[in-house]
Amino acid sequence: MTDKTTHANPSKNRTPRHRAREFALQGLYQWLLNNEPARTVATNIRGAHGFDKADGEFFGELLNGTIATSVELREAIAPLIDRGVTELSPIEHAVLLLGAYELKNHPEIPYRVVINEAVELTKSFGGIDGHKYVNGVLDKLASSLRPDEVAAAARR
């Protein structure tokens, strides 16, 4: 099996940061389904095939930060979704948590990049139209978390 066959979207040229997001998503998925401690999840994911090509530091910060602030992130997402958080697919749930975490804690990453990365993850790992849902929710969240950046982008 080659590296290209181990990923849902092999034609994409994935950067170390994108790979870190893929692995963080996998970790969040594992955490949501198994309710394991973040340390256990991180250890499992770091042992996965291809992890050496990911930005390990960024992965750790995303996974641990998202899990540590998951209650707060869910509270931010809840008013923007049309169902309960527990009714979301595990992939959409994990991607929304990850995207919300990046929007809130990484202002150096443009909000459009955060949303695009979340959409790409959902296209690769989620259901058929899940990416449209994720895009809409994170776009609304960006407007509340980064109003100046979103307004400046709209003026361009």
Protein backbone atom coordinates (compact mmCIF):
# COMPACT_ATOMS: atom_id res chain seq x y z
CA MET A 1 0.00 0.00 0.00
CA THR A 2 1.42 3.38 -0.94
CA ASP A 3 1.00 6.63 0.95
CA LYS A 4 -1.44 7.79 -1.72
CA THR A 5 -3.84 4.94 -1.02
CA THR A 6 -4.03 5.58 2.72
CA HIS A 7 -5.83 8.91 2.39
CA ALA A 8 -9.36 9.69 1.27
CA ASN A 9 -8.22 12.37 -1.17
CA PRO A 10 -4.87 11.23 -2.60
CA SER A 11 -4.69 13.72 -5.49
CA LYS A 12 -4.27 16.68 -3.17
CA ASN A 13 -0.79 17.98 -2.40
CA ARG A 14 -0.99 17.95 1.37
CA THR A 15 1.26 20.25 3.38
CA PRO A 16 2.56 19.24 6.83
CA ARG A 17 -0.06 21.54 8.40
CA HIS A 18 -2.87 19.98 6.37
CA ARG A 19 -1.64 16.54 7.38
CA ALA A 20 -1.62 17.71 11.01
CA ARG A 21 -5.27 18.72 10.60
CA GLU A 22 -6.09 15.32 9.07
CA PHE A 23 -4.51 13.53 12.02
CA ALA A 24 -6.14 15.92 14.51
CA LEU A 25 -9.49 15.15 12.90
CA GLN A 26 -8.83 11.44 13.22
CA GLY A 27 -7.88 11.96 16.86
CA LEU A 28 -11.01 13.99 17.58
CA TYR A 29 -13.11 11.32 15.89
CA GLN A 30 -11.52 8.67 18.11
CA TRP A 31 -12.04 10.86 21.17
CA LEU A 32 -15.71 11.49 20.33
CA LEU A 33 -16.47 7.82 19.76
CA ASN A 34 -14.38 6.23 22.50
CA ASN A 35 -14.18 9.03 25.08
CA GLU A 36 -10.50 8.22 25.66
CA PRO A 37 -8.13 10.69 27.32
CA ALA A 38 -6.40 13.13 24.97
CA ARG A 39 -3.00 11.66 25.84
CA THR A 40 -4.10 8.16 24.77
CA VAL A 41 -5.59 9.47 21.54
CA ALA A 42 -2.46 11.49 20.73
CA THR A 43 -0.22 8.47 21.36
CA ASN A 44 -2.35 6.31 19.06
CA ILE A 45 -2.39 8.89 16.27
CA ARG A 46 1.34 9.67 16.50
CA GLY A 47 1.97 5.99 15.76
CA ALA A 48 -0.12 6.06 12.58
CA HIS A 49 1.36 5.52 9.13
CA GLY A 50 2.42 8.83 7.57
CA PHE A 51 2.43 10.85 10.78
CA ASP A 52 6.09 11.69 10.22
CA LYS A 53 5.00 13.90 7.30
CA ALA A 54 2.70 15.97 9.52
CA ASP A 55 3.57 19.03 11.59
CA GLY A 56 3.64 17.18 14.92
CA GLU A 57 3.69 20.30 17.08
CA PHE A 58 0.68 21.80 15.29
CA PHE A 59 -1.14 18.45 15.53
CA GLY A 60 -0.58 18.29 19.29
CA GLU A 61 -1.73 21.84 19.83
CA LEU A 62 -4.86 21.34 17.70
CA LEU A 63 -5.85 18.03 19.26
CA ASN A 64 -5.13 18.95 22.87
CA GLY A 65 -6.49 22.48 22.57
CA THR A 66 -9.69 21.38 20.88
CA ILE A 67 -10.36 18.65 23.44
CA ALA A 68 -9.52 20.95 26.38
CA THR A 69 -11.91 23.67 25.17
CA SER A 70 -14.57 21.41 23.62
CA VAL A 71 -17.35 22.56 25.97
CA GLU A 72 -16.72 26.20 25.13
CA LEU A 73 -16.43 25.41 21.41
CA ARG A 74 -19.72 23.48 21.43
CA GLU A 75 -21.40 26.45 23.13
CA ALA A 76 -20.15 28.71 20.33
CA ILE A 77 -21.35 26.32 17.61
CA ALA A 78 -24.73 25.39 19.14
CA PRO A 79 -26.68 28.53 18.15
CA LEU A 80 -25.45 28.19 14.56
CA ILE A 81 -26.60 24.66 13.86
CA ASP A 82 -30.06 23.33 13.08
CA ARG A 83 -29.89 20.34 15.44
CA GLY A 84 -28.26 19.31 18.66
CA VAL A 85 -24.49 18.87 18.62
CA THR A 86 -24.94 15.20 19.52
CA GLU A 87 -27.05 14.74 16.37
CA LEU A 88 -24.19 15.79 14.08
CA SER A 89 -22.24 13.08 12.32
CA PRO A 90 -19.00 12.42 14.21
CA ILE A 91 -16.97 13.80 11.29
CA GLU A 92 -18.98 17.02 11.04
CA HIS A 93 -18.85 17.36 14.82
CA ALA A 94 -15.07 16.89 14.89
CA VAL A 95 -14.46 19.22 11.93
CA LEU A 96 -16.65 21.94 13.45
CA LEU A 97 -14.81 21.67 16.76
CA LEU A 98 -11.45 21.80 14.99
CA GLY A 99 -12.47 24.74 12.79
CA ALA A 100 -13.95 26.62 15.74
CA TYR A 101 -10.75 26.06 17.70
CA GLU A 102 -8.60 27.44 14.88
CA LEU A 103 -10.87 30.44 14.33
CA LYS A 104 -10.77 31.28 18.02
CA ASN A 105 -7.12 30.56 18.81
CA HIS A 106 -5.17 31.12 15.60
CA PRO A 107 -5.85 34.65 14.36
CA GLU A 108 -2.60 34.47 12.36
CA ILE A 109 -4.32 31.98 10.04
CA PRO A 110 -6.81 33.82 7.79
CA TYR A 111 -10.39 32.79 8.51
CA ARG A 112 -10.89 31.79 4.87
CA VAL A 113 -7.97 29.36 5.14
CA VAL A 114 -9.46 27.83 8.31
CA ILE A 115 -12.84 27.39 6.62
CA ASN A 116 -11.29 26.02 3.42
CA GLU A 117 -9.24 23.48 5.36
CA ALA A 118 -12.35 22.38 7.28
CA VAL A 119 -14.31 22.04 4.04
CA GLU A 120 -11.53 19.96 2.47
CA LEU A 121 -11.38 17.68 5.51
CA THR A 122 -15.13 17.19 5.35
CA LYS A 123 -15.00 16.46 1.63
CA SER A 124 -12.29 13.86 2.25
CA PHE A 125 -13.72 12.15 5.31
CA GLY A 126 -17.37 13.17 5.65
CA GLY A 127 -20.68 12.57 3.96
CA ILE A 128 -21.65 13.75 0.49
CA ASP A 129 -22.87 17.27 1.31
CA GLY A 130 -21.40 17.65 4.80
CA HIS A 131 -18.86 20.16 3.51
CA LYS A 132 -21.65 22.61 2.62
CA TYR A 133 -23.01 22.43 6.15
CA VAL A 134 -19.55 22.88 7.71
CA ASN A 135 -18.86 25.83 5.40
CA GLY A 136 -22.08 27.59 6.41
CA VAL A 137 -21.62 27.06 10.14
CA LEU A 138 -17.96 28.13 10.21
CA ASP A 139 -18.70 31.15 8.02
CA LYS A 140 -21.26 32.33 10.59
CA LEU A 141 -18.87 31.57 13.43
CA ALA A 142 -16.09 33.54 11.74
CA SER A 143 -18.41 36.56 11.55
CA SER A 144 -18.87 36.47 15.32
CA LEU A 145 -15.30 35.54 16.33
CA ARG A 146 -13.46 37.68 13.77
CA PRO A 147 -15.85 40.46 12.76
CA ASP A 148 -13.14 42.92 11.67
CA GLU A 149 -11.38 40.39 9.46
CA VAL A 150 -14.64 39.23 7.87
CA ALA A 151 -15.77 42.85 7.30
CA ALA A 152 -12.43 43.77 5.73
CA ALA A 153 -12.66 40.77 3.38
CA ALA A 154 -16.20 41.76 2.38
CA ARG A 155 -15.02 45.27 1.42
CA ARG A 156 -12.44 43.90 -1.01
